[in-house]
C-alpha cells in the first residue's frame, strides 16, 4: 500500500517524503504553520515556516523561535517535495499549504473563509487532487449574512447603548476577530477601548494595517470614561473582576455560534452577532468544488455529517481526528488573559 503524501499521526499532519509537519500539535523538528491561532501554532518546534505576515504574530505569542517567512505563491522545496502558501482569508497571515510531489497535489486549508473581510488577504482557491478542509460550521443551518449588514447592526447597537447611557462590551477572539471588529467599527459614535490582550495583539498588527485609534483599559480607567463608549474584549474577560468597572454595561459576542440562540444564553450574553472567520455551509461546498479535487479529508467541526454529505455528492470523503479547536474553542480558551 502506497504511503499517502500527507498522513495524520499522534503529532500532526505529516509529510514523510519531506519529513515535515503541517500545524503539528506536538513538538517536531520542522513545522509549516498555516496561521497564528494557538491551536495551529504551538510552542516547542525546532523550526517554523510560515507566511511572512504571520511571523510577527507567532513570534509575539511564542517568544524567541527559529522562524522563516515565505511570500504568497512562493515555491520552496524540502527533500524534493514542493510547498507553497496561498491566502486562506481566515485572519491576517493565514495560509493554505499546497504540497506537490511526483505530480500529486494536496492542499491543507488550516482555517479559512471565503468572504473578503477587508483585513485578511482574501481566500484563493487552489487546484488539487486531495483537499484537507476544516468544517467548523459544516451544517446547512450556518449561512452568513454579508458582513456589511452585520457591522451596521453592531454600530447601531453601540449607538443605542450610548443613548441609554451604557457601555458596550463586545467579545471576540484577541487575534483575528478583534481586529476585524476594530476595522469596521464607526469611531464617530464614540471612543474604542480595548482589553490588554487585544491591545497587545493589535499593536503587533498595526505595522501591517491601519486600524482605528484605541485606548487600553487600565486600572486607572474609570466608569465615567467608559460610559457610552465600546470595549473590545476576549471571551475570557466575561464574568471576571476586570469587567466590573464597565457597569452599567451591555454585552455582545461576535461569533458564528450566535446563529443558535442557545449559545448566547449559555454564555449569558445580552446580544449575539453572527460573524465568523470560518466558512459557512455554502462557502465550504463552493471551495471544495473550485479545487477540482476528488478526495476530501474533513478535520475539525461537523466532520461526520459533512463528509457523509460529500460522499452523497460523489466525493471520496473521510474524516480525520486532529487537536484543532472550533471557533468556540478559540473564544473560550484564550491564552492571552490580561488583568488590564
C-alpha atoms as a PDB file:
ATOM      1  CA  UNK A   1       0.000   0.000   0.000  1.00  0.00           C
ATOM      2  CA  UNK A   2       1.450   3.376  -1.006  1.00  0.00           C
ATOM      3  CA  UNK A   3       2.198   5.900   1.707  1.00  0.00           C
ATOM      4  CA  UNK A   4      -0.125   8.911   1.295  1.00  0.00           C
ATOM      5  CA  UNK A   5       1.536  12.246   0.631  1.00  0.00           C
ATOM      6  CA  UNK A   6       0.123  13.574   3.915  1.00  0.00           C
ATOM      7  CA  UNK A   7      -0.767  11.334   6.849  1.00  0.00           C
ATOM      8  CA  UNK A   8      -2.264  12.012  10.260  1.00  0.00           C
ATOM      9  CA  UNK A   9      -0.384  10.719  13.298  1.00  0.00           C
ATOM     10  CA  UNK A  10      -0.138  11.489  17.010  1.00  0.00           C
ATOM     11  CA  UNK A  11       1.919  14.645  16.380  1.00  0.00           C
ATOM     12  CA  UNK A  12       0.054  16.218  13.475  1.00  0.00           C
ATOM     13  CA  UNK A  13      -0.227  16.114   9.697  1.00  0.00           C
ATOM     14  CA  UNK A  14       2.978  14.506   8.443  1.00  0.00           C
ATOM     15  CA  UNK A  15       4.655  14.603   5.048  1.00  0.00           C
ATOM     16  CA  UNK A  16       7.031  11.623   5.219  1.00  0.00           C
ATOM     17  CA  UNK A  17       8.693  12.404   1.879  1.00  0.00           C
ATOM     18  CA  UNK A  18       9.829  15.810   3.211  1.00  0.00           C
ATOM     19  CA  UNK A  19       9.996  14.837   6.890  1.00  0.00           C
ATOM     20  CA  UNK A  20       7.955  17.913   7.798  1.00  0.00           C
ATOM     21  CA  UNK A  21       4.697  18.505   9.678  1.00  0.00           C
ATOM     22  CA  UNK A  22       1.803  20.852   8.930  1.00  0.00           C
ATOM     23  CA  UNK A  23       0.355  22.598  12.012  1.00  0.00           C
ATOM     24  CA  UNK A  24       1.596  19.890  14.421  1.00  0.00           C
ATOM     25  CA  UNK A  25       0.129  19.774  17.905  1.00  0.00           C
ATOM     26  CA  UNK A  26       3.207  18.156  19.489  1.00  0.00           C
ATOM     27  CA  UNK A  27       6.840  19.335  19.246  1.00  0.00           C
ATOM     28  CA  UNK A  28       8.601  18.365  15.988  1.00  0.00           C
ATOM     29  CA  UNK A  29      11.811  19.277  14.186  1.00  0.00           C
ATOM     30  CA  UNK A  30      10.246  21.150  11.261  1.00  0.00           C
ATOM     31  CA  UNK A  31       6.744  22.649  11.060  1.00  0.00           C
ATOM     32  CA  UNK A  32       4.912  24.580   8.351  1.00  0.00           C
ATOM     33  CA  UNK A  33       2.333  26.768  10.097  1.00  0.00           C
ATOM     34  CA  UNK A  34      -0.930  27.880   8.474  1.00  0.00           C
ATOM     35  CA  UNK A  35      -1.754  30.752  10.855  1.00  0.00           C
ATOM     36  CA  UNK A  36      -1.218  32.248  14.283  1.00  0.00           C
ATOM     37  CA  UNK A  37      -4.080  30.869  16.385  1.00  0.00           C
ATOM     38  CA  UNK A  38      -2.846  28.891  19.371  1.00  0.00           C
ATOM     39  CA  UNK A  39      -4.308  25.559  18.265  1.00  0.00           C
ATOM     40  CA  UNK A  40      -2.422  25.690  14.940  1.00  0.00           C
ATOM     41  CA  UNK A  41       0.846  27.342  16.000  1.00  0.00           C
ATOM     42  CA  UNK A  42       2.157  25.698  19.127  1.00  0.00           C
ATOM     43  CA  UNK A  43       5.322  26.131  21.121  1.00  0.00           C
ATOM     44  CA  UNK A  44       8.245  23.701  21.009  1.00  0.00           C
ATOM     45  CA  UNK A  45       9.098  23.095  17.331  1.00  0.00           C
ATOM     46  CA  UNK A  46      12.752  23.420  16.345  1.00  0.00           C
ATOM     47  CA  UNK A  47      11.999  25.251  13.084  1.00  0.00           C
ATOM     48  CA  UNK A  48       8.901  27.120  11.884  1.00  0.00           C
ATOM     49  CA  UNK A  49       7.985  28.053   8.303  1.00  0.00           C
ATOM     50  CA  UNK A  50       5.012  30.348   7.722  1.00  0.00           C
ATOM     51  CA  UNK A  51       3.833  33.335   5.700  1.00  0.00           C
ATOM     52  CA  UNK A  52       5.947  36.418   6.433  1.00  0.00           C
ATOM     53  CA  UNK A  53       2.931  38.379   7.725  1.00  0.00           C
ATOM     54  CA  UNK A  54       2.370  35.644  10.319  1.00  0.00           C
ATOM     55  CA  UNK A  55       5.962  35.816  11.574  1.00  0.00           C
ATOM     56  CA  UNK A  56       5.401  38.774  13.983  1.00  0.00           C
ATOM     57  CA  UNK A  57       2.195  37.153  15.228  1.00  0.00           C
ATOM     58  CA  UNK A  58       3.689  33.815  16.219  1.00  0.00           C
ATOM     59  CA  UNK A  59       6.862  35.495  17.465  1.00  0.00           C
ATOM     60  CA  UNK A  60       4.698  37.628  19.775  1.00  0.00           C
ATOM     61  CA  UNK A  61       2.769  34.612  21.020  1.00  0.00           C
ATOM     62  CA  UNK A  62       5.580  32.050  21.252  1.00  0.00           C
ATOM     63  CA  UNK A  63       8.610  34.185  22.074  1.00  0.00           C
ATOM     64  CA  UNK A  64      12.037  33.585  20.547  1.00  0.00           C
ATOM     65  CA  UNK A  65      11.665  30.909  17.854  1.00  0.00           C
ATOM     66  CA  UNK A  66      13.534  29.834  14.714  1.00  0.00           C
ATOM     67  CA  UNK A  67      11.104  31.012  12.030  1.00  0.00           C
ATOM     68  CA  UNK A  68      11.328  31.612   8.286  1.00  0.00           C
ATOM     69  CA  UNK A  69       8.784  33.726   6.394  1.00  0.00           C
ATOM     70  CA  UNK A  70       7.582  32.985   2.860  1.00  0.00           C
ATOM     71  CA  UNK A  71       5.638  35.045   0.304  1.00  0.00           C
ATOM     72  CA  UNK A  72       2.306  34.104  -1.249  1.00  0.00           C
ATOM     73  CA  UNK A  73       2.747  31.521  -4.024  1.00  0.00           C
ATOM     74  CA  UNK A  74       6.487  31.282  -3.329  1.00  0.00           C
ATOM     75  CA  UNK A  75       7.601  27.739  -4.090  1.00  0.00           C
ATOM     76  CA  UNK A  76      10.084  26.128  -1.710  1.00  0.00           C
ATOM     77  CA  UNK A  77      11.405  22.579  -1.828  1.00  0.00           C
ATOM     78  CA  UNK A  78      12.140  20.211   1.053  1.00  0.00           C
ATOM     79  CA  UNK A  79      13.680  16.842   0.126  1.00  0.00           C
ATOM     80  CA  UNK A  80      12.217  17.058  -3.371  1.00  0.00           C
ATOM     81  CA  UNK A  81       8.700  17.984  -2.202  1.00  0.00           C
ATOM     82  CA  UNK A  82       7.365  21.351  -3.397  1.00  0.00           C
ATOM     83  CA  UNK A  83       5.454  23.540  -0.962  1.00  0.00           C
ATOM     84  CA  UNK A  84       3.774  26.929  -1.326  1.00  0.00           C
ATOM     85  CA  UNK A  85       1.478  29.130   0.772  1.00  0.00           C
ATOM     86  CA  UNK A  86      -1.790  30.609  -0.526  1.00  0.00           C
ATOM     87  CA  UNK A  87      -4.268  33.025   1.116  1.00  0.00           C
ATOM     88  CA  UNK A  88      -6.849  31.387   3.383  1.00  0.00           C
ATOM     89  CA  UNK A  89      -8.796  34.558   4.258  1.00  0.00           C
ATOM     90  CA  UNK A  90      -9.197  33.444   7.889  1.00  0.00           C
ATOM     91  CA  UNK A  91      -7.115  36.090   9.683  1.00  0.00           C
ATOM     92  CA  UNK A  92      -4.035  38.178   8.841  1.00  0.00           C
ATOM     93  CA  UNK A  93      -1.261  35.875   7.660  1.00  0.00           C
ATOM     94  CA  UNK A  94      -3.468  32.786   7.347  1.00  0.00           C
ATOM     95  CA  UNK A  95      -2.402  30.353   4.638  1.00  0.00           C
ATOM     96  CA  UNK A  96      -3.449  27.264   2.831  1.00  0.00           C
ATOM     97  CA  UNK A  97      -0.482  24.940   2.414  1.00  0.00           C
ATOM     98  CA  UNK A  98      -0.050  23.382  -1.024  1.00  0.00           C
ATOM     99  CA  UNK A  99       2.056  20.213  -1.217  1.00  0.00           C
ATOM    100  CA  UNK A 100       3.184  18.704  -4.535  1.00  0.00           C
ATOM    101  CA  UNK A 101       5.213  15.547  -5.083  1.00  0.00           C
ATOM    102  CA  UNK A 102       5.604  13.457  -8.236  1.00  0.00           C
ATOM    103  CA  UNK A 103       2.616  15.133  -9.880  1.00  0.00           C
ATOM    104  CA  UNK A 104       0.301  14.677  -6.895  1.00  0.00           C
ATOM    105  CA  UNK A 105      -1.112  17.802  -5.223  1.00  0.00           C
ATOM    106  CA  UNK A 106      -2.655  18.094  -1.767  1.00  0.00           C
ATOM    107  CA  UNK A 107      -3.940  21.288  -0.118  1.00  0.00           C
ATOM    108  CA  UNK A 108      -4.311  21.762   3.635  1.00  0.00           C
ATOM    109  CA  UNK A 109      -6.560  24.731   4.398  1.00  0.00           C
ATOM    110  CA  UNK A 110      -5.880  25.262   8.082  1.00  0.00           C
ATOM    111  CA  UNK A 111      -8.860  27.502   8.918  1.00  0.00           C
ATOM    112  CA  UNK A 112     -10.381  29.588   6.131  1.00  0.00           C
ATOM    113  CA  UNK A 113     -13.297  31.702   4.974  1.00  0.00           C
ATOM    114  CA  UNK A 114     -14.419  32.861   1.537  1.00  0.00           C
ATOM    115  CA  UNK A 115     -15.823  36.305   2.440  1.00  0.00           C
ATOM    116  CA  UNK A 116     -13.373  39.187   1.997  1.00  0.00           C
ATOM    117  CA  UNK A 117     -13.332  40.825   5.432  1.00  0.00           C
ATOM    118  CA  UNK A 118     -11.146  43.780   4.460  1.00  0.00           C
ATOM    119  CA  UNK A 119      -8.418  42.667   6.869  1.00  0.00           C
ATOM    120  CA  UNK A 120      -7.002  39.299   5.776  1.00  0.00           C
ATOM    121  CA  UNK A 121      -5.766  38.702   2.223  1.00  0.00           C
ATOM    122  CA  UNK A 122      -8.865  37.157   0.564  1.00  0.00           C
ATOM    123  CA  UNK A 123      -9.139  33.397   0.105  1.00  0.00           C
ATOM    124  CA  UNK A 124      -7.954  31.999  -3.214  1.00  0.00           C
ATOM    125  CA  UNK A 125      -8.979  28.520  -4.429  1.00  0.00           C
ATOM    126  CA  UNK A 126      -6.069  26.209  -5.219  1.00  0.00           C
ATOM    127  CA  UNK A 127      -6.421  23.276  -7.601  1.00  0.00           C
ATOM    128  CA  UNK A 128      -5.544  19.903  -6.085  1.00  0.00           C
ATOM    129  CA  UNK A 129      -6.268  16.182  -6.044  1.00  0.00           C
ATOM    130  CA  UNK A 130      -6.853  15.943  -2.269  1.00  0.00           C
ATOM    131  CA  UNK A 131      -8.277  18.757  -0.135  1.00  0.00           C
ATOM    132  CA  UNK A 132      -7.962  18.778   3.670  1.00  0.00           C
ATOM    133  CA  UNK A 133     -10.709  21.044   4.966  1.00  0.00           C
ATOM    134  CA  UNK A 134     -11.990  22.184   8.307  1.00  0.00           C
ATOM    135  CA  UNK A 135     -15.769  22.033   8.696  1.00  0.00           C
ATOM    136  CA  UNK A 136     -16.332  24.023  11.880  1.00  0.00           C
ATOM    137  CA  UNK A 137     -19.691  25.184  10.525  1.00  0.00           C
ATOM    138  CA  UNK A 138     -20.426  22.235   8.275  1.00  0.00           C
ATOM    139  CA  UNK A 139     -24.213  22.266   8.660  1.00  0.00           C
ATOM    140  CA  UNK A 140     -26.817  23.820   6.293  1.00  0.00           C
ATOM    141  CA  UNK A 141     -28.084  25.908   9.242  1.00  0.00           C
ATOM    142  CA  UNK A 142     -24.985  28.074   9.009  1.00  0.00           C
ATOM    143  CA  UNK A 143     -25.497  30.759   6.374  1.00  0.00           C
ATOM    144  CA  UNK A 144     -23.664  34.025   6.914  1.00  0.00           C
ATOM    145  CA  UNK A 145     -25.205  37.437   6.409  1.00  0.00           C
ATOM    146  CA  UNK A 146     -22.910  39.777   4.415  1.00  0.00           C
ATOM    147  CA  UNK A 147     -20.607  41.489   6.886  1.00  0.00           C
ATOM    148  CA  UNK A 148     -21.607  44.992   5.773  1.00  0.00           C
ATOM    149  CA  UNK A 149     -25.066  44.324   7.205  1.00  0.00           C
ATOM    150  CA  UNK A 150     -23.675  42.758  10.385  1.00  0.00           C
ATOM    151  CA  UNK A 151     -21.424  45.730  11.072  1.00  0.00           C
ATOM    152  CA  UNK A 152     -24.307  48.119  10.501  1.00  0.00           C
ATOM    153  CA  UNK A 153     -26.164  46.178  13.219  1.00  0.00           C
ATOM    154  CA  UNK A 154     -23.158  46.323  15.555  1.00  0.00           C
ATOM    155  CA  UNK A 155     -22.707  50.070  15.138  1.00  0.00           C
ATOM    156  CA  UNK A 156     -26.441  50.684  15.618  1.00  0.00           C
ATOM    157  CA  UNK A 157     -26.330  48.574  18.791  1.00  0.00           C
ATOM    158  CA  UNK A 158     -23.428  50.642  20.100  1.00  0.00           C
ATOM    159  CA  UNK A 159     -25.209  53.919  19.288  1.00  0.00           C
ATOM    160  CA  UNK A 160     -28.364  52.759  21.064  1.00  0.00           C
ATOM    161  CA  UNK A 161     -26.432  51.704  24.154  1.00  0.00           C
ATOM    162  CA  UNK A 162     -24.744  55.090  24.164  1.00  0.00           C
ATOM    163  CA  UNK A 163     -28.084  56.885  24.106  1.00  0.00           C
ATOM    164  CA  UNK A 164     -29.162  54.668  27.020  1.00  0.00           C
ATOM    165  CA  UNK A 165     -26.072  55.693  28.998  1.00  0.00           C
ATOM    166  CA  UNK A 166     -24.480  52.230  28.901  1.00  0.00           C
ATOM    167  CA  UNK A 167     -21.055  50.923  27.979  1.00  0.00           C
ATOM    168  CA  UNK A 168     -20.963  48.423  25.092  1.00  0.00           C
ATOM    169  CA  UNK A 169     -18.750  45.395  25.728  1.00  0.00           C
ATOM    170  CA  UNK A 170     -18.135  43.340  22.590  1.00  0.00           C
ATOM    171  CA  UNK A 171     -16.397  39.965  22.887  1.00  0.00           C
ATOM    172  CA  UNK A 172     -14.195  38.491  20.189  1.00  0.00           C
ATOM    173  CA  UNK A 173     -11.028  36.428  19.959  1.00  0.00           C
ATOM    174  CA  UNK A 174      -7.944  38.589  20.552  1.00  0.00           C
ATOM    175  CA  UNK A 175      -6.283  37.569  17.278  1.00  0.00           C
ATOM    176  CA  UNK A 176      -8.346  37.969  14.100  1.00  0.00           C
ATOM    177  CA  UNK A 177     -11.886  38.659  15.254  1.00  0.00           C
ATOM    178  CA  UNK A 178     -10.926  41.661  17.384  1.00  0.00           C
ATOM    179  CA  UNK A 179      -9.035  43.326  14.534  1.00  0.00           C
ATOM    180  CA  UNK A 180     -11.898  42.630  12.126  1.00  0.00           C
ATOM    181  CA  UNK A 181     -14.307  44.284  14.550  1.00  0.00           C
ATOM    182  CA  UNK A 182     -11.951  47.203  15.086  1.00  0.00           C
ATOM    183  CA  UNK A 183     -11.544  47.752  11.346  1.00  0.00           C
ATOM    184  CA  UNK A 184     -15.290  48.147  10.816  1.00  0.00           C
ATOM    185  CA  UNK A 185     -16.449  49.936  13.962  1.00  0.00           C
ATOM    186  CA  UNK A 186     -17.629  53.521  13.451  1.00  0.00           C
ATOM    187  CA  UNK A 187     -15.362  55.771  15.580  1.00  0.00           C
ATOM    188  CA  UNK A 188     -17.687  58.735  15.043  1.00  0.00           C
ATOM    189  CA  UNK A 189     -20.038  57.106  17.584  1.00  0.00           C
ATOM    190  CA  UNK A 190     -17.528  57.229  20.404  1.00  0.00           C
ATOM    191  CA  UNK A 191     -14.224  56.033  21.763  1.00  0.00           C
ATOM    192  CA  UNK A 192     -12.932  52.476  21.238  1.00  0.00           C
ATOM    193  CA  UNK A 193     -11.382  50.856  24.313  1.00  0.00           C
ATOM    194  CA  UNK A 194      -9.555  47.526  24.363  1.00  0.00           C
ATOM    195  CA  UNK A 195      -8.707  44.788  26.823  1.00  0.00           C
ATOM    196  CA  UNK A 196      -4.939  44.390  27.252  1.00  0.00           C
ATOM    197  CA  UNK A 197      -4.747  41.109  25.297  1.00  0.00           C
ATOM    198  CA  UNK A 198      -6.468  42.683  22.303  1.00  0.00           C
ATOM    199  CA  UNK A 199      -4.444  45.880  22.530  1.00  0.00           C
ATOM    200  CA  UNK A 200      -1.176  43.913  22.630  1.00  0.00           C
ATOM    201  CA  UNK A 201      -2.042  41.895  19.542  1.00  0.00           C
ATOM    202  CA  UNK A 202      -3.359  44.932  17.657  1.00  0.00           C
ATOM    203  CA  UNK A 203      -0.107  46.774  18.343  1.00  0.00           C
ATOM    204  CA  UNK A 204       1.749  43.905  16.666  1.00  0.00           C
ATOM    205  CA  UNK A 205      -0.506  44.126  13.618  1.00  0.00           C
ATOM    206  CA  UNK A 206      -0.565  47.912  13.186  1.00  0.00           C
ATOM    207  CA  UNK A 207       2.660  47.670  11.174  1.00  0.00           C
ATOM    208  CA  UNK A 208       0.699  45.686   8.559  1.00  0.00           C
ATOM    209  CA  UNK A 209      -2.616  47.559   8.539  1.00  0.00           C
ATOM    210  CA  UNK A 210      -4.229  50.829   9.594  1.00  0.00           C
ATOM    211  CA  UNK A 211      -6.710  50.394  12.417  1.00  0.00           C
ATOM    212  CA  UNK A 212      -8.834  52.948  14.263  1.00  0.00           C
ATOM    213  CA  UNK A 213      -7.311  54.530  17.341  1.00  0.00           C
ATOM    214  CA  UNK A 214      -7.811  52.502  20.507  1.00  0.00           C
ATOM    215  CA  UNK A 215      -7.339  53.099  24.224  1.00  0.00           C
ATOM    216  CA  UNK A 216      -6.188  50.339  26.554  1.00  0.00           C
ATOM    217  CA  UNK A 217      -8.359  49.751  29.621  1.00  0.00           C
ATOM    218  CA  UNK A 218      -6.115  50.038  32.690  1.00  0.00           C
ATOM    219  CA  UNK A 219      -6.628  50.055  36.444  1.00  0.00           C
ATOM    220  CA  UNK A 220      -6.849  53.836  36.225  1.00  0.00           C
ATOM    221  CA  UNK A 221      -9.681  53.789  33.666  1.00  0.00           C
ATOM    222  CA  UNK A 222     -12.930  54.966  35.279  1.00  0.00           C
ATOM    223  CA  UNK A 223     -16.549  54.005  34.696  1.00  0.00           C
ATOM    224  CA  UNK A 224     -17.260  57.570  33.677  1.00  0.00           C
ATOM    225  CA  UNK A 225     -14.661  57.417  30.914  1.00  0.00           C
ATOM    226  CA  UNK A 226     -16.097  54.160  29.549  1.00  0.00           C
ATOM    227  CA  UNK A 227     -19.744  55.172  29.684  1.00  0.00           C
ATOM    228  CA  UNK A 228     -21.306  55.288  26.209  1.00  0.00           C
ATOM    229  CA  UNK A 229     -18.167  54.003  24.531  1.00  0.00           C
ATOM    230  CA  UNK A 230     -17.313  50.498  23.305  1.00  0.00           C
ATOM    231  CA  UNK A 231     -14.868  47.991  24.798  1.00  0.00           C
ATOM    232  CA  UNK A 232     -13.405  45.100  22.777  1.00  0.00           C
ATOM    233  CA  UNK A 233     -12.523  42.147  24.981  1.00  0.00           C
ATOM    234  CA  UNK A 234     -11.734  38.419  24.675  1.00  0.00           C
ATOM    235  CA  UNK A 235     -14.404  35.973  25.838  1.00  0.00           C
ATOM    236  CA  UNK A 236     -12.228  35.080  28.840  1.00  0.00           C
ATOM    237  CA  UNK A 237     -12.964  38.534  30.312  1.00  0.00           C
ATOM    238  CA  UNK A 238     -16.686  37.798  30.649  1.00  0.00           C
ATOM    239  CA  UNK A 239     -17.620  37.276  34.294  1.00  0.00           C
ATOM    240  CA  UNK A 240     -14.188  38.407  35.502  1.00  0.00           C
ATOM    241  CA  UNK A 241     -13.437  41.113  38.059  1.00  0.00           C
ATOM    242  CA  UNK A 242     -11.996  43.146  35.160  1.00  0.00           C
ATOM    243  CA  UNK A 243     -15.428  43.763  33.652  1.00  0.00           C
ATOM    244  CA  UNK A 244     -16.983  45.175  36.826  1.00  0.00           C
ATOM    245  CA  UNK A 245     -15.667  48.666  36.128  1.00  0.00           C
ATOM    246  CA  UNK A 246     -17.827  48.731  32.979  1.00  0.00           C
ATOM    247  CA  UNK A 247     -21.116  48.975  34.947  1.00  0.00           C
ATOM    248  CA  UNK A 248     -23.640  49.844  33.596  1.00  0.00           C
ATOM    249  CA  UNK A 249     -22.794  47.767  30.527  1.00  0.00           C
ATOM    250  CA  UNK A 250     -24.399  45.645  27.815  1.00  0.00           C
ATOM    251  CA  UNK A 251     -22.573  42.619  26.402  1.00  0.00           C
ATOM    252  CA  UNK A 252     -22.461  41.109  22.941  1.00  0.00           C
ATOM    253  CA  UNK A 253     -20.485  38.364  21.219  1.00  0.00           C
ATOM    254  CA  UNK A 254     -19.444  38.192  17.566  1.00  0.00           C
ATOM    255  CA  UNK A 255     -19.303  34.546  16.519  1.00  0.00           C
ATOM    256  CA  UNK A 256     -20.724  32.087  14.043  1.00  0.00           C
ATOM    257  CA  UNK A 257     -22.199  30.230  17.002  1.00  0.00           C
ATOM    258  CA  UNK A 258     -24.539  33.149  17.611  1.00  0.00           C
ATOM    259  CA  UNK A 259     -26.638  31.521  14.869  1.00  0.00           C
ATOM    260  CA  UNK A 260     -28.074  29.469  17.735  1.00  0.00           C
ATOM    261  CA  UNK A 261     -29.886  31.387  20.477  1.00  0.00           C
ATOM    262  CA  UNK A 262     -28.923  28.723  22.983  1.00  0.00           C
ATOM    263  CA  UNK A 263     -25.242  29.583  22.566  1.00  0.00           C
ATOM    264  CA  UNK A 264     -25.937  33.174  23.604  1.00  0.00           C
ATOM    265  CA  UNK A 265     -27.963  32.061  26.631  1.00  0.00           C
ATOM    266  CA  UNK A 266     -25.289  29.625  27.790  1.00  0.00           C
ATOM    267  CA  UNK A 267     -22.702  32.380  27.726  1.00  0.00           C
ATOM    268  CA  UNK A 268     -25.043  34.860  29.447  1.00  0.00           C
ATOM    269  CA  UNK A 269     -24.575  37.318  26.591  1.00  0.00           C
ATOM    270  CA  UNK A 270     -27.128  40.105  26.023  1.00  0.00           C
ATOM    271  CA  UNK A 271     -26.744  40.235  22.240  1.00  0.00           C
ATOM    272  CA  UNK A 272     -25.290  37.967  19.584  1.00  0.00           C
ATOM    273  CA  UNK A 273     -23.913  38.985  16.206  1.00  0.00           C
ATOM    274  CA  UNK A 274     -23.383  36.204  13.671  1.00  0.00           C
ATOM    275  CA  UNK A 275     -19.885  36.925  12.415  1.00  0.00           C
ATOM    276  CA  UNK A 276     -17.422  34.132  11.756  1.00  0.00           C
ATOM    277  CA  UNK A 277     -13.875  33.865  10.465  1.00  0.00           C
ATOM    278  CA  UNK A 278     -14.725  30.422   9.078  1.00  0.00           C
ATOM    279  CA  UNK A 279     -16.720  29.301   6.031  1.00  0.00           C
ATOM    280  CA  UNK A 280     -20.442  28.716   6.271  1.00  0.00           C
ATOM    281  CA  UNK A 281     -22.037  25.630   4.683  1.00  0.00           C
ATOM    282  CA  UNK A 282     -22.164  27.075   1.193  1.00  0.00           C
ATOM    283  CA  UNK A 283     -18.668  28.512   1.474  1.00  0.00           C
ATOM    284  CA  UNK A 284     -17.286  25.076   2.281  1.00  0.00           C
ATOM    285  CA  UNK A 285     -19.096  23.447  -0.626  1.00  0.00           C
ATOM    286  CA  UNK A 286     -18.122  26.091  -3.167  1.00  0.00           C
ATOM    287  CA  UNK A 287     -14.487  25.994  -2.029  1.00  0.00           C
ATOM    288  CA  UNK A 288     -14.291  22.240  -2.445  1.00  0.00           C
ATOM    289  CA  UNK A 289     -15.856  22.413  -5.896  1.00  0.00           C
ATOM    290  CA  UNK A 290     -13.435  25.124  -7.040  1.00  0.00           C
ATOM    291  CA  UNK A 291     -10.389  22.983  -6.181  1.00  0.00           C
ATOM    292  CA  UNK A 292     -11.445  20.291  -8.657  1.00  0.00           C
ATOM    293  CA  UNK A 293     -10.427  17.696  -6.075  1.00  0.00           C
ATOM    294  CA  UNK A 294     -11.585  14.100  -5.975  1.00  0.00           C
ATOM    295  CA  UNK A 295     -10.706  13.330  -2.368  1.00  0.00           C
ATOM    296  CA  UNK A 296     -11.675  15.373   0.685  1.00  0.00           C
ATOM    297  CA  UNK A 297     -10.440  14.887   4.247  1.00  0.00           C
ATOM    298  CA  UNK A 298     -12.602  16.609   6.875  1.00  0.00           C
ATOM    299  CA  UNK A 299     -10.922  17.651  10.098  1.00  0.00           C
ATOM    300  CA  UNK A 300     -12.340  19.715  12.982  1.00  0.00           C
ATOM    301  CA  UNK A 301     -16.032  20.602  13.110  1.00  0.00           C
ATOM    302  CA  UNK A 302     -19.109  18.698  11.946  1.00  0.00           C
ATOM    303  CA  UNK A 303     -16.884  16.118  10.297  1.00  0.00           C
ATOM    304  CA  UNK A 304     -19.217  13.111  10.187  1.00  0.00           C
ATOM    305  CA  UNK A 305     -22.246  14.957   8.851  1.00  0.00           C
ATOM    306  CA  UNK A 306     -20.254  16.978   6.350  1.00  0.00           C
ATOM    307  CA  UNK A 307     -18.213  14.051   4.995  1.00  0.00           C
ATOM    308  CA  UNK A 308     -21.382  11.956   4.627  1.00  0.00           C
ATOM    309  CA  UNK A 309     -22.962  14.723   2.547  1.00  0.00           C
ATOM    310  CA  UNK A 310     -19.835  14.964   0.366  1.00  0.00           C
ATOM    311  CA  UNK A 311     -19.911  11.223  -0.292  1.00  0.00           C
ATOM    312  CA  UNK A 312     -23.523  11.557  -1.391  1.00  0.00           C
ATOM    313  CA  UNK A 313     -22.322  14.192  -3.874  1.00  0.00           C
ATOM    314  CA  UNK A 314     -19.774  11.769  -5.334  1.00  0.00           C
ATOM    315  CA  UNK A 315     -16.613  12.768  -3.476  1.00  0.00           C
ATOM    316  CA  UNK A 316     -14.221  10.299  -1.884  1.00  0.00           C
ATOM    317  CA  UNK A 317     -14.585  11.889   1.554  1.00  0.00           C
ATOM    318  CA  UNK A 318     -13.470  10.782   5.008  1.00  0.00           C
ATOM    319  CA  UNK A 319     -12.678  12.246   8.411  1.00  0.00           C
ATOM    320  CA  UNK A 320      -9.511  12.539  10.469  1.00  0.00           C
ATOM    321  CA  UNK A 321      -9.014  13.406  14.129  1.00  0.00           C
ATOM    322  CA  UNK A 322      -6.934  16.488  14.966  1.00  0.00           C
ATOM    323  CA  UNK A 323      -6.284  18.615  18.020  1.00  0.00           C
ATOM    324  CA  UNK A 324      -7.535  21.810  16.412  1.00  0.00           C
ATOM    325  CA  UNK A 325     -10.393  23.653  18.059  1.00  0.00           C
ATOM    326  CA  UNK A 326     -13.536  25.196  16.669  1.00  0.00           C
ATOM    327  CA  UNK A 327     -14.242  28.926  16.877  1.00  0.00           C
ATOM    328  CA  UNK A 328     -15.920  28.434  20.247  1.00  0.00           C
ATOM    329  CA  UNK A 329     -12.733  26.819  21.500  1.00  0.00           C
ATOM    330  CA  UNK A 330     -10.757  29.839  20.390  1.00  0.00           C
ATOM    331  CA  UNK A 331     -13.086  32.174  22.236  1.00  0.00           C
ATOM    332  CA  UNK A 332     -13.182  30.212  25.457  1.00  0.00           C
ATOM    333  CA  UNK A 333      -9.568  29.080  25.697  1.00  0.00           C
ATOM    334  CA  UNK A 334      -7.971  32.453  25.070  1.00  0.00           C
ATOM    335  CA  UNK A 335      -4.471  32.033  26.456  1.00  0.00           C
ATOM    336  CA  UNK A 336      -3.771  35.760  26.500  1.00  0.00           C
ATOM    337  CA  UNK A 337      -5.683  36.684  29.628  1.00  0.00           C
ATOM    338  CA  UNK A 338      -4.632  40.059  30.895  1.00  0.00           C
ATOM    339  CA  UNK A 339      -5.888  41.654  34.104  1.00  0.00           C
ATOM    340  CA  UNK A 340      -5.529  45.057  32.466  1.00  0.00           C
END
